[in-house]
Amino acid sequence: QPLPWLTYPCIDFLRSLDLRDKSVFEWGCGHSTLFFAERAKRVVSIEAGREWFDYIKTKVSDNCELILSTVDEDVETEAIEHFAGGFDVILIDNHGNFRPACCRVALDRLNPGGIIILDNSDQCLRSAEVLRSGDLIQVDFTGFAPGAGYAQTTSIFFSRDYSFRPLDGFQPHRSVAQPNAPWPNA
């Protein structure tokens, strides 16, 4: 099963959500695209790297739409405008310098009750400030990520009217790193 290159604590949290009726928009495609495709109703992903785009394109399912972009801030930020309506989940994991502009646009395209995920938020302080200024609640998930030998942070910014249901009716779900079953009667 593909793992997004987000922090493991964030992945554990996302796994616990029922995304079956949710739409996802990503700036930057990859293993997150494959991860969300298994869980969400619809995934749209913008990617500027041609070789990476071609690689991921061979692995996506029918509920995914990949769009090849150029390394241009205006082109990337405007990409979301080509889609009617908003999105329930927006992932910002593209070129660092483009992220503040993508955050501003994401605020306008987030569906009520939705979330925005900012990867590497500990390195994107201006972007995190843009999202907090949009009246979203920031929760940081710090830890290791697949393929990284150091700790980093992925932040989820929650709408004040956050409305996702937990998968299977309960939360939290046990982490794949937790070898023990839940304690009885606890």
N, C-alpha and C. Protein backbone atom coordinates (compact mmCIF):
# COMPACT_ATOMS: atom_id res chain seq x y z
N GLN A 1 0.83 -1.18 0.00
CA GLN A 1 0.00 0.00 0.00
C GLN A 1 0.88 1.24 0.00
N PRO A 2 0.59 2.18 -0.87
CA PRO A 2 1.41 3.38 -0.96
C PRO A 2 1.25 4.26 0.28
N LEU A 3 2.36 4.83 0.71
CA LEU A 3 2.35 5.77 1.82
C LEU A 3 2.71 7.16 1.30
N PRO A 4 1.91 8.16 1.67
CA PRO A 4 2.30 9.52 1.28
C PRO A 4 3.59 9.89 2.01
N TRP A 5 4.33 10.78 1.46
CA TRP A 5 5.58 11.21 2.09
C TRP A 5 5.31 12.32 3.08
N LEU A 6 4.28 12.11 3.89
CA LEU A 6 3.93 12.97 5.00
C LEU A 6 4.47 12.31 6.26
N THR A 7 4.39 12.96 7.40
CA THR A 7 4.89 12.33 8.61
C THR A 7 3.99 11.16 9.01
N TYR A 8 4.60 10.16 9.64
CA TYR A 8 3.85 8.98 10.05
C TYR A 8 2.68 9.31 10.98
N PRO A 9 2.84 10.23 11.95
CA PRO A 9 1.66 10.58 12.76
C PRO A 9 0.51 11.15 11.93
N CYS A 10 0.82 11.95 10.92
CA CYS A 10 -0.22 12.50 10.05
C CYS A 10 -0.86 11.39 9.22
N ILE A 11 -0.06 10.48 8.71
CA ILE A 11 -0.61 9.35 7.95
C ILE A 11 -1.56 8.53 8.82
N ASP A 12 -1.16 8.27 10.06
CA ASP A 12 -2.04 7.52 10.97
C ASP A 12 -3.37 8.24 11.15
N PHE A 13 -3.33 9.55 11.32
CA PHE A 13 -4.56 10.30 11.49
C PHE A 13 -5.42 10.23 10.22
N LEU A 14 -4.82 10.44 9.06
CA LEU A 14 -5.58 10.41 7.81
C LEU A 14 -6.20 9.04 7.57
N ARG A 15 -5.50 7.98 7.96
CA ARG A 15 -6.04 6.63 7.81
C ARG A 15 -7.30 6.42 8.64
N SER A 16 -7.45 7.19 9.69
CA SER A 16 -8.60 7.01 10.58
C SER A 16 -9.85 7.74 10.10
N LEU A 17 -9.74 8.51 9.01
CA LEU A 17 -10.87 9.29 8.52
C LEU A 17 -11.63 8.55 7.41
N ASP A 18 -12.92 8.74 7.40
CA ASP A 18 -13.75 8.20 6.32
C ASP A 18 -13.77 9.23 5.19
N LEU A 19 -13.03 8.96 4.15
CA LEU A 19 -12.89 9.88 3.02
C LEU A 19 -13.68 9.44 1.79
N ARG A 20 -14.49 8.41 1.91
CA ARG A 20 -15.15 7.82 0.75
C ARG A 20 -16.01 8.78 -0.04
N ASP A 21 -16.54 9.82 0.59
CA ASP A 21 -17.36 10.79 -0.14
C ASP A 21 -16.65 12.13 -0.30
N LYS A 22 -15.33 12.15 -0.12
CA LYS A 22 -14.57 13.40 -0.14
C LYS A 22 -13.81 13.59 -1.45
N SER A 23 -13.61 14.86 -1.79
CA SER A 23 -12.80 15.23 -2.96
C SER A 23 -11.48 15.81 -2.46
N VAL A 24 -10.41 15.45 -3.16
CA VAL A 24 -9.06 15.86 -2.76
C VAL A 24 -8.41 16.61 -3.91
N PHE A 25 -7.75 17.71 -3.59
CA PHE A 25 -6.93 18.45 -4.55
C PHE A 25 -5.52 18.50 -3.99
N GLU A 26 -4.54 18.19 -4.84
CA GLU A 26 -3.14 18.21 -4.41
C GLU A 26 -2.30 19.10 -5.31
N TRP A 27 -1.48 19.90 -4.69
CA TRP A 27 -0.39 20.54 -5.41
C TRP A 27 0.82 19.66 -5.17
N GLY A 28 1.18 18.89 -6.16
CA GLY A 28 2.27 17.93 -6.07
C GLY A 28 1.71 16.52 -5.98
N CYS A 29 1.90 15.72 -7.03
CA CYS A 29 1.38 14.35 -7.02
C CYS A 29 2.46 13.41 -6.50
N GLY A 30 2.05 12.20 -6.20
CA GLY A 30 3.01 11.21 -5.73
C GLY A 30 2.30 10.09 -5.01
N HIS A 31 2.97 9.57 -4.00
CA HIS A 31 2.39 8.46 -3.25
C HIS A 31 1.15 8.91 -2.49
N SER A 32 1.07 10.21 -2.18
CA SER A 32 -0.16 10.72 -1.56
C SER A 32 -1.33 10.58 -2.52
N THR A 33 -1.10 10.77 -3.79
CA THR A 33 -2.15 10.62 -4.80
C THR A 33 -2.69 9.19 -4.76
N LEU A 34 -1.80 8.23 -4.71
CA LEU A 34 -2.20 6.82 -4.67
C LEU A 34 -2.89 6.49 -3.36
N PHE A 35 -2.39 7.05 -2.27
CA PHE A 35 -2.99 6.86 -0.94
C PHE A 35 -4.42 7.37 -0.92
N PHE A 36 -4.62 8.61 -1.38
CA PHE A 36 -5.96 9.19 -1.37
C PHE A 36 -6.88 8.50 -2.37
N ALA A 37 -6.33 8.05 -3.49
CA ALA A 37 -7.15 7.37 -4.50
C ALA A 37 -7.81 6.12 -3.94
N GLU A 38 -7.16 5.44 -3.01
CA GLU A 38 -7.72 4.25 -2.38
C GLU A 38 -8.82 4.59 -1.38
N ARG A 39 -8.89 5.87 -0.95
CA ARG A 39 -9.78 6.23 0.15
C ARG A 39 -10.84 7.26 -0.21
N ALA A 40 -10.56 8.12 -1.19
CA ALA A 40 -11.44 9.25 -1.50
C ALA A 40 -12.27 8.99 -2.75
N LYS A 41 -13.31 9.77 -2.89
CA LYS A 41 -14.18 9.68 -4.07
C LYS A 41 -13.47 10.20 -5.31
N ARG A 42 -12.74 11.32 -5.16
CA ARG A 42 -12.10 11.97 -6.31
C ARG A 42 -10.79 12.60 -5.88
N VAL A 43 -9.78 12.49 -6.73
CA VAL A 43 -8.47 13.10 -6.48
C VAL A 43 -8.03 13.84 -7.73
N VAL A 44 -7.67 15.10 -7.56
CA VAL A 44 -7.10 15.91 -8.64
C VAL A 44 -5.73 16.34 -8.18
N SER A 45 -4.72 16.13 -9.00
CA SER A 45 -3.36 16.46 -8.60
C SER A 45 -2.63 17.19 -9.72
N ILE A 46 -1.94 18.25 -9.34
CA ILE A 46 -1.15 19.07 -10.26
C ILE A 46 0.32 18.74 -10.02
N GLU A 47 1.06 18.50 -11.07
CA GLU A 47 2.48 18.17 -10.95
C GLU A 47 3.28 18.87 -12.04
N ALA A 48 4.42 19.45 -11.65
CA ALA A 48 5.27 20.17 -12.60
C ALA A 48 6.45 19.33 -13.09
N GLY A 49 6.77 18.25 -12.42
CA GLY A 49 7.90 17.41 -12.84
C GLY A 49 7.46 16.37 -13.84
N ARG A 50 7.90 16.49 -15.06
CA ARG A 50 7.44 15.61 -16.15
C ARG A 50 7.72 14.13 -15.89
N GLU A 51 8.93 13.79 -15.48
CA GLU A 51 9.27 12.39 -15.25
C GLU A 51 8.44 11.80 -14.12
N TRP A 52 8.27 12.55 -13.04
CA TRP A 52 7.49 12.09 -11.90
C TRP A 52 6.01 11.95 -12.30
N PHE A 53 5.50 12.92 -13.03
CA PHE A 53 4.14 12.88 -13.55
C PHE A 53 3.92 11.61 -14.36
N ASP A 54 4.84 11.33 -15.30
CA ASP A 54 4.71 10.14 -16.14
C ASP A 54 4.74 8.86 -15.33
N TYR A 55 5.56 8.82 -14.30
CA TYR A 55 5.65 7.64 -13.44
C TYR A 55 4.34 7.43 -12.67
N ILE A 56 3.85 8.47 -12.02
CA ILE A 56 2.63 8.35 -11.21
C ILE A 56 1.41 8.08 -12.11
N LYS A 57 1.40 8.66 -13.29
CA LYS A 57 0.28 8.49 -14.23
C LYS A 57 0.01 7.01 -14.53
N THR A 58 1.04 6.21 -14.54
CA THR A 58 0.89 4.78 -14.83
C THR A 58 0.28 4.01 -13.65
N LYS A 59 0.20 4.64 -12.48
CA LYS A 59 -0.24 3.95 -11.28
C LYS A 59 -1.60 4.41 -10.75
N VAL A 60 -2.16 5.48 -11.31
CA VAL A 60 -3.40 6.03 -10.74
C VAL A 60 -4.63 5.25 -11.21
N SER A 61 -5.68 5.37 -10.42
CA SER A 61 -6.94 4.72 -10.74
C SER A 61 -7.88 5.71 -11.43
N ASP A 62 -9.05 5.24 -11.78
CA ASP A 62 -10.02 6.04 -12.54
C ASP A 62 -10.55 7.26 -11.79
N ASN A 63 -10.46 7.26 -10.47
CA ASN A 63 -10.97 8.40 -9.71
C ASN A 63 -9.94 9.52 -9.56
N CYS A 64 -8.82 9.39 -10.28
CA CYS A 64 -7.75 10.39 -10.22
C CYS A 64 -7.63 11.14 -11.54
N GLU A 65 -7.38 12.42 -11.41
CA GLU A 65 -7.07 13.25 -12.57
C GLU A 65 -5.73 13.92 -12.31
N LEU A 66 -4.74 13.60 -13.12
CA LEU A 66 -3.43 14.22 -13.01
C LEU A 66 -3.28 15.26 -14.10
N ILE A 67 -2.74 16.41 -13.72
CA ILE A 67 -2.55 17.50 -14.66
C ILE A 67 -1.09 17.91 -14.63
N LEU A 68 -0.47 17.89 -15.79
CA LEU A 68 0.92 18.33 -15.90
C LEU A 68 0.95 19.85 -15.96
N SER A 69 1.75 20.43 -15.10
CA SER A 69 1.87 21.88 -15.00
C SER A 69 3.27 22.29 -15.44
N THR A 70 3.55 23.54 -15.29
CA THR A 70 4.90 24.04 -15.49
C THR A 70 5.38 24.63 -14.17
N VAL A 71 6.67 24.81 -14.04
CA VAL A 71 7.21 25.40 -12.82
C VAL A 71 7.01 26.91 -12.91
N ASP A 72 5.79 27.31 -12.63
CA ASP A 72 5.40 28.71 -12.71
C ASP A 72 4.34 28.95 -11.63
N GLU A 73 4.58 29.92 -10.77
CA GLU A 73 3.69 30.15 -9.64
C GLU A 73 2.26 30.45 -10.08
N ASP A 74 2.09 31.31 -11.07
CA ASP A 74 0.74 31.65 -11.51
C ASP A 74 0.01 30.44 -12.09
N VAL A 75 0.70 29.65 -12.89
CA VAL A 75 0.09 28.46 -13.49
C VAL A 75 -0.34 27.49 -12.40
N GLU A 76 0.54 27.27 -11.42
CA GLU A 76 0.21 26.32 -10.34
C GLU A 76 -0.93 26.81 -9.47
N THR A 77 -0.87 28.07 -9.05
CA THR A 77 -1.92 28.57 -8.15
C THR A 77 -3.27 28.64 -8.85
N GLU A 78 -3.28 28.93 -10.13
CA GLU A 78 -4.54 29.04 -10.87
C GLU A 78 -5.10 27.68 -11.28
N ALA A 79 -4.32 26.63 -11.16
CA ALA A 79 -4.77 25.30 -11.59
C ALA A 79 -6.06 24.87 -10.90
N ILE A 80 -6.21 25.19 -9.65
CA ILE A 80 -7.40 24.78 -8.89
C ILE A 80 -8.65 25.50 -9.38
N GLU A 81 -8.46 26.65 -10.02
CA GLU A 81 -9.59 27.45 -10.50
C GLU A 81 -10.31 26.81 -11.69
N HIS A 82 -9.70 25.82 -12.31
CA HIS A 82 -10.29 25.17 -13.47
C HIS A 82 -11.36 24.14 -13.10
N PHE A 83 -11.60 23.98 -11.80
CA PHE A 83 -12.54 22.96 -11.34
C PHE A 83 -13.72 23.63 -10.66
N ALA A 84 -14.90 23.20 -11.02
CA ALA A 84 -16.12 23.74 -10.41
C ALA A 84 -16.20 23.29 -8.96
N GLY A 85 -16.67 24.15 -8.13
CA GLY A 85 -16.84 23.81 -6.72
C GLY A 85 -15.53 23.79 -5.98
N GLY A 86 -15.63 23.35 -4.75
CA GLY A 86 -14.45 23.29 -3.89
C GLY A 86 -14.01 21.87 -3.65
N PHE A 87 -13.10 21.72 -2.70
CA PHE A 87 -12.54 20.42 -2.35
C PHE A 87 -12.61 20.25 -0.83
N ASP A 88 -12.75 19.01 -0.39
CA ASP A 88 -12.83 18.70 1.03
C ASP A 88 -11.46 18.61 1.67
N VAL A 89 -10.49 18.15 0.90
CA VAL A 89 -9.10 18.03 1.37
C VAL A 89 -8.22 18.70 0.32
N ILE A 90 -7.35 19.58 0.78
CA ILE A 90 -6.38 20.20 -0.12
C ILE A 90 -5.00 19.97 0.47
N LEU A 91 -4.13 19.37 -0.32
CA LEU A 91 -2.76 19.09 0.10
C LEU A 91 -1.81 20.02 -0.63
N ILE A 92 -0.98 20.71 0.12
CA ILE A 92 0.00 21.63 -0.46
C ILE A 92 1.38 21.03 -0.22
N ASP A 93 1.97 20.52 -1.29
CA ASP A 93 3.27 19.84 -1.21
C ASP A 93 4.02 20.06 -2.51
N ASN A 94 4.08 21.31 -2.94
CA ASN A 94 4.76 21.64 -4.19
C ASN A 94 5.97 22.52 -3.88
N HIS A 95 6.42 23.28 -4.86
CA HIS A 95 7.60 24.13 -4.71
C HIS A 95 7.43 25.08 -3.53
N GLY A 96 8.42 25.15 -2.66
CA GLY A 96 8.33 25.94 -1.44
C GLY A 96 7.96 27.39 -1.67
N ASN A 97 8.55 28.02 -2.67
CA ASN A 97 8.28 29.43 -2.91
C ASN A 97 6.86 29.69 -3.37
N PHE A 98 6.19 28.68 -3.92
CA PHE A 98 4.82 28.83 -4.41
C PHE A 98 3.78 28.60 -3.31
N ARG A 99 4.19 28.04 -2.21
CA ARG A 99 3.23 27.59 -1.19
C ARG A 99 2.40 28.71 -0.57
N PRO A 100 2.97 29.88 -0.23
CA PRO A 100 2.10 30.93 0.33
C PRO A 100 0.97 31.31 -0.61
N ALA A 101 1.26 31.44 -1.90
CA ALA A 101 0.21 31.79 -2.88
C ALA A 101 -0.81 30.65 -2.99
N CYS A 102 -0.36 29.41 -2.97
CA CYS A 102 -1.29 28.28 -3.02
C CYS A 102 -2.17 28.25 -1.77
N CYS A 103 -1.61 28.61 -0.63
CA CYS A 103 -2.40 28.66 0.61
C CYS A 103 -3.51 29.69 0.51
N ARG A 104 -3.21 30.85 -0.05
CA ARG A 104 -4.23 31.89 -0.18
C ARG A 104 -5.37 31.41 -1.08
N VAL A 105 -5.03 30.78 -2.19
CA VAL A 105 -6.05 30.26 -3.11
C VAL A 105 -6.82 29.12 -2.46
N ALA A 106 -6.13 28.26 -1.74
CA ALA A 106 -6.77 27.10 -1.09
C ALA A 106 -7.86 27.54 -0.11
N LEU A 107 -7.63 28.64 0.58
CA LEU A 107 -8.64 29.12 1.53
C LEU A 107 -9.97 29.39 0.85
N ASP A 108 -9.93 29.89 -0.38
CA ASP A 108 -11.15 30.18 -1.12
C ASP A 108 -11.80 28.95 -1.73
N ARG A 109 -11.04 27.86 -1.89
CA ARG A 109 -11.56 26.67 -2.57
C ARG A 109 -11.85 25.51 -1.64
N LEU A 110 -11.66 25.73 -0.32
CA LEU A 110 -11.91 24.68 0.65
C LEU A 110 -13.41 24.60 0.95
N ASN A 111 -13.96 23.41 0.82
CA ASN A 111 -15.37 23.20 1.15
C ASN A 111 -15.59 23.40 2.65
N PRO A 112 -16.80 23.81 3.04
CA PRO A 112 -17.11 23.91 4.46
C PRO A 112 -16.82 22.59 5.16
N GLY A 113 -16.21 22.67 6.33
CA GLY A 113 -15.89 21.48 7.09
C GLY A 113 -14.63 20.76 6.67
N GLY A 114 -13.92 21.29 5.67
CA GLY A 114 -12.76 20.61 5.12
C GLY A 114 -11.45 20.86 5.84
N ILE A 115 -10.38 20.28 5.28
CA ILE A 115 -9.03 20.42 5.85
C ILE A 115 -8.03 20.77 4.76
N ILE A 116 -6.99 21.49 5.17
CA ILE A 116 -5.84 21.75 4.30
C ILE A 116 -4.63 21.14 4.96
N ILE A 117 -3.87 20.36 4.20
CA ILE A 117 -2.66 19.72 4.70
C ILE A 117 -1.47 20.46 4.10
N LEU A 118 -0.57 20.90 4.97
CA LEU A 118 0.65 21.57 4.54
C LEU A 118 1.83 20.71 4.95
N ASP A 119 2.49 20.11 3.97
CA ASP A 119 3.65 19.28 4.28
C ASP A 119 4.86 20.18 4.49
N ASN A 120 5.78 19.69 5.30
CA ASN A 120 7.00 20.43 5.63
C ASN A 120 6.67 21.80 6.22
N SER A 121 5.61 21.86 7.01
CA SER A 121 5.16 23.14 7.56
C SER A 121 6.20 23.79 8.45
N ASP A 122 7.09 22.99 9.05
CA ASP A 122 8.15 23.56 9.87
C ASP A 122 9.17 24.32 9.02
N GLN A 123 9.14 24.15 7.73
CA GLN A 123 10.01 24.89 6.82
C GLN A 123 9.24 25.93 6.02
N CYS A 124 7.93 25.98 6.20
CA CYS A 124 7.07 26.88 5.43
C CYS A 124 6.28 27.77 6.38
N LEU A 125 6.98 28.57 7.16
CA LEU A 125 6.34 29.35 8.22
C LEU A 125 5.38 30.40 7.67
N ARG A 126 5.72 31.03 6.55
CA ARG A 126 4.82 32.01 5.93
C ARG A 126 3.53 31.34 5.47
N SER A 127 3.65 30.17 4.90
CA SER A 127 2.47 29.43 4.43
C SER A 127 1.56 29.06 5.59
N ALA A 128 2.15 28.60 6.68
CA ALA A 128 1.35 28.25 7.86
C ALA A 128 0.64 29.48 8.41
N GLU A 129 1.30 30.62 8.40
CA GLU A 129 0.68 31.86 8.87
C GLU A 129 -0.50 32.26 7.99
N VAL A 130 -0.38 32.07 6.67
CA VAL A 130 -1.49 32.39 5.76
C VAL A 130 -2.71 31.55 6.14
N LEU A 131 -2.52 30.28 6.41
CA LEU A 131 -3.64 29.40 6.72
C LEU A 131 -4.24 29.71 8.09
N ARG A 132 -3.39 29.99 9.07
CA ARG A 132 -3.92 30.38 10.39
C ARG A 132 -4.69 31.69 10.30
N SER A 133 -4.20 32.61 9.48
CA SER A 133 -4.89 33.90 9.29
C SER A 133 -6.24 33.72 8.61
N GLY A 134 -6.43 32.59 7.94
CA GLY A 134 -7.71 32.27 7.30
C GLY A 134 -8.69 31.64 8.27
N ASP A 135 -8.42 31.75 9.56
CA ASP A 135 -9.29 31.26 10.63
C ASP A 135 -9.37 29.73 10.68
N LEU A 136 -8.30 29.07 10.27
CA LEU A 136 -8.22 27.61 10.39
C LEU A 136 -7.45 27.26 11.66
N ILE A 137 -7.71 26.10 12.19
CA ILE A 137 -7.04 25.62 13.39
C ILE A 137 -5.90 24.71 12.97
N GLN A 138 -4.69 25.02 13.40
CA GLN A 138 -3.50 24.27 13.01
C GLN A 138 -3.19 23.18 14.04
N VAL A 139 -3.01 21.95 13.54
CA VAL A 139 -2.56 20.84 14.37
C VAL A 139 -1.32 20.27 13.69
N ASP A 140 -0.21 20.23 14.41
CA ASP A 140 1.06 19.78 13.86
C ASP A 140 1.27 18.30 14.16
N PHE A 141 1.75 17.57 13.16
CA PHE A 141 2.08 16.16 13.28
C PHE A 141 3.58 16.05 12.99
N THR A 142 4.38 15.98 14.05
CA THR A 142 5.83 15.95 13.90
C THR A 142 6.33 14.53 14.10
N GLY A 143 7.25 14.14 13.23
CA GLY A 143 7.84 12.81 13.33
C GLY A 143 8.58 12.49 12.05
N PHE A 144 8.92 11.23 11.90
CA PHE A 144 9.61 10.80 10.69
C PHE A 144 8.60 10.59 9.57
N ALA A 145 9.10 10.62 8.36
CA ALA A 145 8.28 10.40 7.17
C ALA A 145 8.95 9.33 6.32
N PRO A 146 8.19 8.63 5.49
CA PRO A 146 8.81 7.62 4.62
C PRO A 146 9.96 8.22 3.82
N GLY A 147 11.08 7.55 3.85
CA GLY A 147 12.23 7.97 3.06
C GLY A 147 13.06 9.09 3.66
N ALA A 148 12.67 9.62 4.80
CA ALA A 148 13.43 10.72 5.41
C ALA A 148 14.12 10.22 6.68
N GLY A 149 15.36 10.61 6.85
CA GLY A 149 16.13 10.18 8.00
C GLY A 149 16.13 11.21 9.12
N TYR A 150 15.18 12.11 9.12
CA TYR A 150 15.10 13.15 10.15
C TYR A 150 13.63 13.46 10.41
N ALA A 151 13.35 14.02 11.57
CA ALA A 151 11.99 14.39 11.91
C ALA A 151 11.60 15.67 11.19
N GLN A 152 10.34 15.77 10.84
CA GLN A 152 9.80 16.96 10.17
C GLN A 152 8.34 17.11 10.60
N THR A 153 7.67 18.12 10.08
CA THR A 153 6.29 18.37 10.49
C THR A 153 5.37 18.49 9.29
N THR A 154 4.26 17.80 9.36
CA THR A 154 3.13 17.99 8.45
C THR A 154 2.02 18.56 9.31
N SER A 155 1.41 19.64 8.87
CA SER A 155 0.32 20.26 9.64
C SER A 155 -0.99 20.10 8.89
N ILE A 156 -2.04 19.87 9.67
CA ILE A 156 -3.39 19.88 9.12
C ILE A 156 -4.08 21.11 9.69
N PHE A 157 -4.71 21.86 8.81
CA PHE A 157 -5.45 23.05 9.18
C PHE A 157 -6.93 22.73 9.04
N PHE A 158 -7.63 22.75 10.16
CA PHE A 158 -9.03 22.35 10.24
C PHE A 158 -9.94 23.56 10.14
N SER A 159 -11.00 23.41 9.35
CA SER A 159 -12.07 24.40 9.35
C SER A 159 -12.70 24.39 10.74
N ARG A 160 -13.23 25.51 11.12
CA ARG A 160 -13.91 25.59 12.43
C ARG A 160 -15.15 24.71 12.45
N ASP A 161 -15.68 24.39 11.28
CA ASP A 161 -16.85 23.52 11.20
C ASP A 161 -16.47 22.12 10.67
N TYR A 162 -15.27 21.69 11.02
CA TYR A 162 -14.75 20.38 10.61
C TYR A 162 -15.82 19.31 10.78
N SER A 163 -15.99 18.46 9.76
CA SER A 163 -17.10 17.51 9.81
C SER A 163 -16.79 16.13 9.25
N PHE A 164 -15.56 15.67 9.31
CA PHE A 164 -15.25 14.33 8.82
C PHE A 164 -15.63 13.29 9.88
N ARG A 165 -16.15 12.18 9.41
CA ARG A 165 -16.46 11.07 10.30
C ARG A 165 -15.24 10.15 10.42
N PRO A 166 -15.11 9.50 11.58
CA PRO A 166 -14.03 8.52 11.69
C PRO A 166 -14.39 7.25 10.91
N LEU A 167 -13.41 6.66 10.31
CA LEU A 167 -13.59 5.41 9.58
C LEU A 167 -13.98 4.33 10.58
N ASP A 168 -14.92 3.51 10.24
CA ASP A 168 -15.39 2.40 11.07
C ASP A 168 -16.06 2.87 12.37
N GLY A 169 -16.35 4.17 12.49
CA GLY A 169 -17.10 4.67 13.63
C GLY A 169 -16.32 4.90 14.91
N PHE A 170 -15.00 4.79 14.87
CA PHE A 170 -14.25 5.05 16.10
C PHE A 170 -12.92 5.75 15.76
N GLN A 171 -12.40 6.40 16.78
CA GLN A 171 -11.13 7.10 16.64
C GLN A 171 -10.53 7.22 18.03
N PRO A 172 -9.24 7.11 18.24
CA PRO A 172 -8.25 6.91 17.19
C PRO A 172 -8.15 5.45 16.76
N HIS A 173 -7.64 5.27 15.58
CA HIS A 173 -7.33 3.93 15.10
C HIS A 173 -5.92 3.59 15.58
N ARG A 174 -5.68 2.34 15.74
CA ARG A 174 -4.36 1.90 16.18
C ARG A 174 -3.34 2.15 15.08
N SER A 175 -2.22 2.72 15.42
CA SER A 175 -1.14 2.95 14.47
C SER A 175 -0.58 1.62 13.99
N VAL A 176 -0.12 1.59 12.75
CA VAL A 176 0.53 0.38 12.25
C VAL A 176 1.82 0.11 13.02
N ALA A 177 2.34 1.12 13.70
CA ALA A 177 3.56 0.96 14.50
C ALA A 177 3.26 0.46 15.91
N GLN A 178 1.99 0.37 16.29
CA GLN A 178 1.59 -0.08 17.64
C GLN A 178 1.36 -1.59 17.61
N PRO A 179 2.22 -2.37 18.31
CA PRO A 179 2.06 -3.82 18.26
C PRO A 179 0.96 -4.34 19.21
N ASN A 180 0.50 -3.51 20.13
CA ASN A 180 -0.44 -3.97 21.14
C ASN A 180 -1.88 -3.60 20.79
N ALA A 181 -2.78 -4.49 21.15
CA ALA A 181 -4.20 -4.23 20.97
C ALA A 181 -4.67 -3.21 22.02
N PRO A 182 -5.82 -2.56 21.77
CA PRO A 182 -6.35 -1.64 22.80
C PRO A 182 -6.56 -2.38 24.13
N TRP A 183 -6.39 -1.65 25.21
CA TRP A 183 -6.58 -2.24 26.54
C TRP A 183 -8.07 -2.49 26.79
N PRO A 184 -8.40 -3.63 27.33
CA PRO A 184 -9.80 -3.89 27.63
C PRO A 184 -10.30 -2.93 28.73
N ASN A 185 -11.50 -2.46 28.56
CA ASN A 185 -12.16 -1.59 29.56
C ASN A 185 -11.45 -0.27 29.78
N ALA A 186 -10.59 0.15 28.87
CA ALA A 186 -9.91 1.45 29.05
C ALA A 186 -10.52 2.42 28.11
